[in-house]
Amino acid sequence: MNIGLIIIGDEILSGKRQDKHLAKVIELLGARGLSLAWSLYLGDDRERITAALRQAFASGDLVFSCGGIGATPDDHTRQAAAAALGVPLELHPEAKALIEQRMREIAAEQGVALEPERADNLHRLNMGRFPAGASIVPNPYNRIPGFSVGDVHFVPGFPVMAWPMIEWLLDHRYAALQDGSRARERSLIVFGAMEATLTPLMEDVEARFPGVKVFSLPSVDHPQYGRHIELGVKGTVALDEAFAALRSGLDRFEVRVGPEMVR
């Protein structure tokens, strides 16, 4: 099952805020033996978000979408999700109860009586309006839930909320994906080679060891190694055998081999 990440917000694209979700989601997945297949950054443009979500729903991928599920004018994700699905937005009863509980807590903290019919409190309920048929994603930070439709999950843009919500989804909805066969990498530093020269070797190793991916990461100004290629293999099965074949295959090239790495 491919896993994707959508990060929404003008503030990311303008540079006002630096994205932290991509690195954290990679970390959360890696800790569970999973990996990210793709990611996408989007601004606060409803039509563009709708198009991206339409593709996400049709993909069959497990997708996490961060941001834009609030109730201010620049939040478009809930509406875009409904449009992509062709369904209306509806006030989810469980979300309504959680939001009202949060409003009671805020009133108690302020030492005032809750006024549920006050305009700002009625507006808060809009955060519980999800596409018809959605289920909620619990938010341990302030109770205001996210939502899921199939394998596409929507969480706030705030890391303090989004990250534990994504962890909850991974451990409650997708525990079966965490089969213990954590992907590993083995690589080595190669000096004096061009990627084009090494490509036939890489293709041969991938053909001989199904399920193993061969990768090359060239660098021209590395602070420690200078110009070099990090050449390696990654996968869950036959990794050591594939690496040995890759390593021995380098013997027919006029290259110098540096340190080996295991991840």
Protein backbone atom coordinates (compact mmCIF):
# COMPACT_ATOMS: atom_id res chain seq x y z
CA MET A 1 0.00 0.00 0.00
CA ASN A 2 1.60 3.27 -1.09
CA ILE A 3 1.62 6.06 1.47
CA GLY A 4 1.30 9.71 0.50
CA LEU A 5 1.41 13.03 2.31
CA ILE A 6 -0.33 16.28 1.34
CA ILE A 7 0.73 19.49 3.11
CA ILE A 8 -1.58 22.46 2.66
CA GLY A 9 -1.03 26.13 3.41
CA ASP A 10 0.06 29.38 1.78
CA GLU A 11 2.34 30.01 4.74
CA ILE A 12 4.52 27.06 3.71
CA LEU A 13 4.81 28.09 0.09
CA SER A 14 5.48 31.73 0.96
CA GLY A 15 8.23 30.82 3.41
CA LYS A 16 6.49 32.38 6.42
CA ARG A 17 6.67 28.98 8.09
CA GLN A 18 8.97 26.05 7.49
CA ASP A 19 7.34 22.69 6.92
CA LYS A 20 8.04 20.14 9.64
CA HIS A 21 5.51 17.50 8.61
CA LEU A 22 7.50 15.79 5.86
CA ALA A 23 10.50 14.88 8.01
CA LYS A 24 8.30 13.84 10.96
CA VAL A 25 6.00 11.64 8.89
CA ILE A 26 9.04 9.93 7.36
CA GLU A 27 10.29 9.35 10.92
CA LEU A 28 6.93 8.00 12.16
CA LEU A 29 6.65 5.65 9.21
CA GLY A 30 10.26 4.50 9.46
CA ALA A 31 9.79 3.59 13.11
CA ARG A 32 7.07 1.21 11.95
CA GLY A 33 8.92 -0.29 9.02
CA LEU A 34 6.98 1.82 6.51
CA SER A 35 8.05 4.45 4.00
CA LEU A 36 6.59 7.42 2.18
CA ALA A 37 5.94 6.98 -1.55
CA TRP A 38 5.07 10.58 -2.42
CA SER A 39 4.36 14.02 -1.02
CA LEU A 40 2.65 17.15 -2.32
CA TYR A 41 2.63 20.79 -1.21
CA LEU A 42 -0.43 22.92 -1.97
CA GLY A 43 -1.44 26.50 -1.28
CA ASP A 44 -4.84 27.61 -0.05
CA ASP A 45 -6.53 27.25 -3.43
CA ARG A 46 -9.80 25.32 -3.24
CA GLU A 47 -9.88 24.17 -6.86
CA ARG A 48 -6.31 22.90 -6.74
CA ILE A 49 -6.92 21.14 -3.43
CA THR A 50 -10.09 19.56 -4.82
CA ALA A 51 -8.24 18.22 -7.84
CA ALA A 52 -5.46 16.79 -5.67
CA LEU A 53 -7.92 15.14 -3.29
CA ARG A 54 -9.95 13.70 -6.14
CA GLN A 55 -6.78 11.96 -7.28
CA ALA A 56 -5.93 10.86 -3.72
CA PHE A 57 -9.36 9.28 -3.21
CA ALA A 58 -9.07 7.43 -6.52
CA SER A 59 -5.50 6.22 -5.93
CA GLY A 60 -6.15 3.54 -3.33
CA ASP A 61 -3.17 4.92 -1.40
CA LEU A 62 -3.01 5.62 2.31
CA VAL A 63 -2.87 9.43 2.38
CA PHE A 64 -2.38 11.91 5.21
CA SER A 65 -3.45 15.51 4.56
CA CYS A 66 -2.18 18.18 6.96
CA GLY A 67 -3.76 21.62 7.19
CA GLY A 68 -6.77 23.63 6.12
CA ILE A 69 -9.48 21.90 8.17
CA GLY A 70 -10.30 24.89 10.36
CA ALA A 71 -13.24 27.23 9.89
CA THR A 72 -11.61 30.49 8.76
CA PRO A 73 -11.93 31.86 5.21
CA ASP A 74 -8.51 30.54 4.20
CA ASP A 75 -9.36 26.97 5.24
CA HIS A 76 -10.63 25.03 2.24
CA THR A 77 -9.76 21.37 2.86
CA ARG A 78 -13.11 20.20 4.26
CA GLN A 79 -15.03 21.82 1.41
CA ALA A 80 -12.54 20.56 -1.17
CA ALA A 81 -12.81 17.01 0.15
CA ALA A 82 -16.60 17.11 -0.10
CA ALA A 83 -16.39 18.50 -3.64
CA ALA A 84 -13.89 15.84 -4.67
CA LEU A 85 -16.23 13.15 -3.39
CA GLY A 86 -19.41 14.77 -4.74
CA VAL A 87 -21.10 14.73 -1.32
CA PRO A 88 -22.34 17.50 1.01
CA LEU A 89 -20.73 18.67 4.21
CA GLU A 90 -22.60 17.51 7.31
CA LEU A 91 -22.14 18.24 11.00
CA HIS A 92 -20.76 14.98 12.34
CA PRO A 93 -22.60 14.13 15.59
CA GLU A 94 -19.54 12.84 17.41
CA ALA A 95 -17.49 15.83 16.27
CA LYS A 96 -20.28 18.13 17.47
CA ALA A 97 -20.21 16.51 20.91
CA LEU A 98 -16.43 16.81 21.15
CA ILE A 99 -16.44 20.46 20.08
CA GLU A 100 -19.19 21.28 22.58
CA GLN A 101 -17.20 19.51 25.30
CA ARG A 102 -14.20 21.65 24.41
CA MET A 103 -16.34 24.79 24.56
CA ARG A 104 -17.51 23.82 28.06
CA GLU A 105 -13.91 23.31 29.14
CA ILE A 106 -12.89 26.73 27.80
CA ALA A 107 -15.81 28.41 29.56
CA ALA A 108 -14.90 26.68 32.83
CA GLU A 109 -11.27 27.75 32.48
CA GLN A 110 -12.43 31.34 31.98
CA GLY A 111 -14.90 31.14 34.87
CA VAL A 112 -17.92 32.01 32.72
CA ALA A 113 -21.11 30.24 31.76
CA LEU A 114 -21.19 28.51 28.39
CA GLU A 115 -23.36 30.27 25.84
CA PRO A 116 -23.81 27.62 23.12
CA GLU A 117 -25.96 29.90 20.93
CA ARG A 118 -23.41 32.70 20.90
CA ALA A 119 -22.22 33.44 17.35
CA ASP A 120 -18.59 32.45 17.90
CA ASN A 121 -19.58 29.15 19.53
CA LEU A 122 -21.95 28.32 16.68
CA HIS A 123 -19.12 29.11 14.27
CA ARG A 124 -16.83 26.65 16.08
CA LEU A 125 -19.21 23.86 15.17
CA ASN A 126 -18.23 24.36 11.54
CA MET A 127 -14.98 22.56 12.39
CA GLY A 128 -17.10 19.42 12.77
CA ARG A 129 -18.69 19.69 9.32
CA PHE A 130 -17.16 16.86 7.30
CA PRO A 131 -18.01 15.16 4.01
CA ALA A 132 -21.05 12.91 4.43
CA GLY A 133 -19.98 9.45 5.55
CA ALA A 134 -16.68 10.56 7.11
CA SER A 135 -15.40 9.14 10.39
CA ILE A 136 -13.50 11.16 12.97
CA VAL A 137 -9.82 11.12 13.90
CA PRO A 138 -9.38 11.86 17.62
CA ASN A 139 -7.29 14.86 18.61
CA PRO A 140 -5.64 14.38 22.02
CA TYR A 141 -4.47 18.00 22.18
CA ASN A 142 -7.77 19.91 22.26
CA ARG A 143 -10.46 17.37 21.27
CA ILE A 144 -11.28 19.10 17.93
CA PRO A 145 -11.23 16.05 15.65
CA GLY A 146 -9.93 15.47 12.18
CA PHE A 147 -11.71 13.15 9.78
CA SER A 148 -11.19 10.20 7.49
CA VAL A 149 -12.82 9.08 4.27
CA GLY A 150 -11.61 5.61 3.38
CA ASP A 151 -7.82 5.63 3.51
CA VAL A 152 -7.49 9.41 3.15
CA HIS A 153 -7.10 11.14 6.51
CA PHE A 154 -7.31 14.82 7.36
CA VAL A 155 -5.54 16.38 10.35
CA PRO A 156 -4.76 19.98 11.37
CA GLY A 157 -1.66 21.81 10.23
CA PHE A 158 -0.38 22.26 13.79
CA PRO A 159 2.33 19.65 14.46
CA VAL A 160 1.36 19.32 18.14
CA MET A 161 -2.03 18.03 16.95
CA ALA A 162 -1.22 16.43 13.61
CA TRP A 163 1.60 14.13 14.67
CA PRO A 164 -0.15 12.23 17.49
CA MET A 165 -3.24 11.95 15.28
CA ILE A 166 -1.17 10.37 12.51
CA GLU A 167 0.44 8.03 15.04
CA TRP A 168 -3.00 7.01 16.27
CA LEU A 169 -4.09 6.21 12.73
CA LEU A 170 -0.96 4.18 12.03
CA ASP A 171 -1.29 2.15 15.22
CA HIS A 172 -5.07 1.68 15.23
CA ARG A 173 -6.06 1.59 11.57
CA TYR A 174 -2.89 0.26 9.95
CA ALA A 175 -1.21 -1.97 12.51
CA ALA A 176 -1.42 -4.83 10.01
CA LEU A 177 0.94 -2.97 7.67
CA GLN A 178 3.61 -3.06 10.36
CA ASP A 179 4.64 -6.64 9.73
CA GLY A 180 8.05 -6.31 11.34
CA SER A 181 9.94 -6.58 8.06
CA ARG A 182 11.56 -3.18 8.35
CA ALA A 183 13.24 -2.02 5.19
CA ARG A 184 17.03 -1.61 5.41
CA GLU A 185 19.69 0.05 3.34
CA ARG A 186 23.27 -0.92 2.61
CA SER A 187 25.45 1.40 0.60
CA LEU A 188 29.03 2.44 -0.03
CA ILE A 189 30.88 5.47 -1.28
CA VAL A 190 32.26 5.21 -4.82
CA PHE A 191 34.90 7.60 -6.18
CA GLY A 192 35.83 8.11 -9.82
CA ALA A 193 32.64 6.80 -11.44
CA MET A 194 29.80 8.22 -13.49
CA GLU A 195 26.20 7.14 -12.92
CA ALA A 196 25.79 6.24 -16.60
CA THR A 197 28.71 3.84 -16.35
CA LEU A 198 27.27 2.10 -13.30
CA THR A 199 23.69 1.88 -14.59
CA PRO A 200 24.05 -1.57 -16.24
CA LEU A 201 25.34 -2.98 -12.94
CA MET A 202 22.43 -1.41 -11.05
CA GLU A 203 19.91 -2.83 -13.51
CA ASP A 204 21.49 -6.28 -13.29
CA VAL A 205 21.28 -6.36 -9.48
CA GLU A 206 17.62 -5.28 -9.49
CA ALA A 207 16.81 -7.97 -12.06
CA ARG A 208 18.58 -10.68 -10.03
CA PHE A 209 16.99 -9.73 -6.70
CA PRO A 210 13.26 -8.95 -7.04
CA GLY A 211 12.02 -6.62 -4.32
CA VAL A 212 15.39 -4.92 -3.90
CA LYS A 213 15.84 -1.36 -5.13
CA VAL A 214 19.24 -0.10 -6.20
CA PHE A 215 19.93 3.60 -5.74
CA SER A 216 22.68 6.08 -6.53
CA LEU A 217 23.08 9.50 -4.92
CA PRO A 218 25.74 11.59 -6.64
CA SER A 219 27.39 14.54 -4.91
CA VAL A 220 29.81 17.08 -6.30
CA ASP A 221 30.75 19.07 -3.19
CA HIS A 222 30.29 16.85 -0.14
CA PRO A 223 32.18 18.35 2.83
CA GLN A 224 33.79 15.02 3.71
CA TYR A 225 33.99 12.99 0.50
CA GLY A 226 33.98 15.63 -2.23
CA ARG A 227 32.79 14.35 -5.62
CA HIS A 228 31.41 10.83 -5.21
CA ILE A 229 28.40 8.53 -5.62
CA GLU A 230 26.66 6.79 -2.74
CA LEU A 231 25.67 3.48 -4.33
CA GLY A 232 23.44 1.06 -2.48
CA VAL A 233 20.47 -1.24 -2.16
CA LYS A 234 17.34 -1.07 -0.02
CA GLY A 235 14.58 -3.55 0.75
CA THR A 236 13.33 -6.14 3.20
CA VAL A 237 14.58 -9.42 1.69
CA ALA A 238 17.88 -10.66 0.24
CA LEU A 239 19.48 -7.33 1.01
CA ASP A 240 22.89 -8.67 2.03
CA GLU A 241 23.08 -10.90 -1.04
CA ALA A 242 22.11 -8.01 -3.32
CA PHE A 243 24.70 -5.74 -1.71
CA ALA A 244 27.40 -8.39 -2.13
CA ALA A 245 26.53 -8.66 -5.83
CA LEU A 246 26.65 -4.89 -6.18
CA ARG A 247 29.96 -4.68 -4.36
CA SER A 248 31.61 -7.45 -6.37
CA GLY A 249 30.26 -5.97 -9.60
CA LEU A 250 32.27 -2.81 -8.99
CA ASP A 251 35.48 -4.80 -9.42
CA ARG A 252 35.21 -4.57 -13.19
CA PHE A 253 35.20 -0.76 -13.09
CA GLU A 254 38.15 1.53 -12.48
CA VAL A 255 36.74 3.05 -9.33
CA ARG A 256 37.87 3.56 -5.76
CA VAL A 257 35.55 2.35 -3.01
CA GLY A 258 35.13 4.20 0.28
CA PRO A 259 33.24 3.49 3.51
CA GLU A 260 30.20 1.25 3.72
CA MET A 261 26.99 2.28 5.49
CA VAL A 262 24.03 0.38 6.95
CA ARG A 263 20.71 2.01 7.81
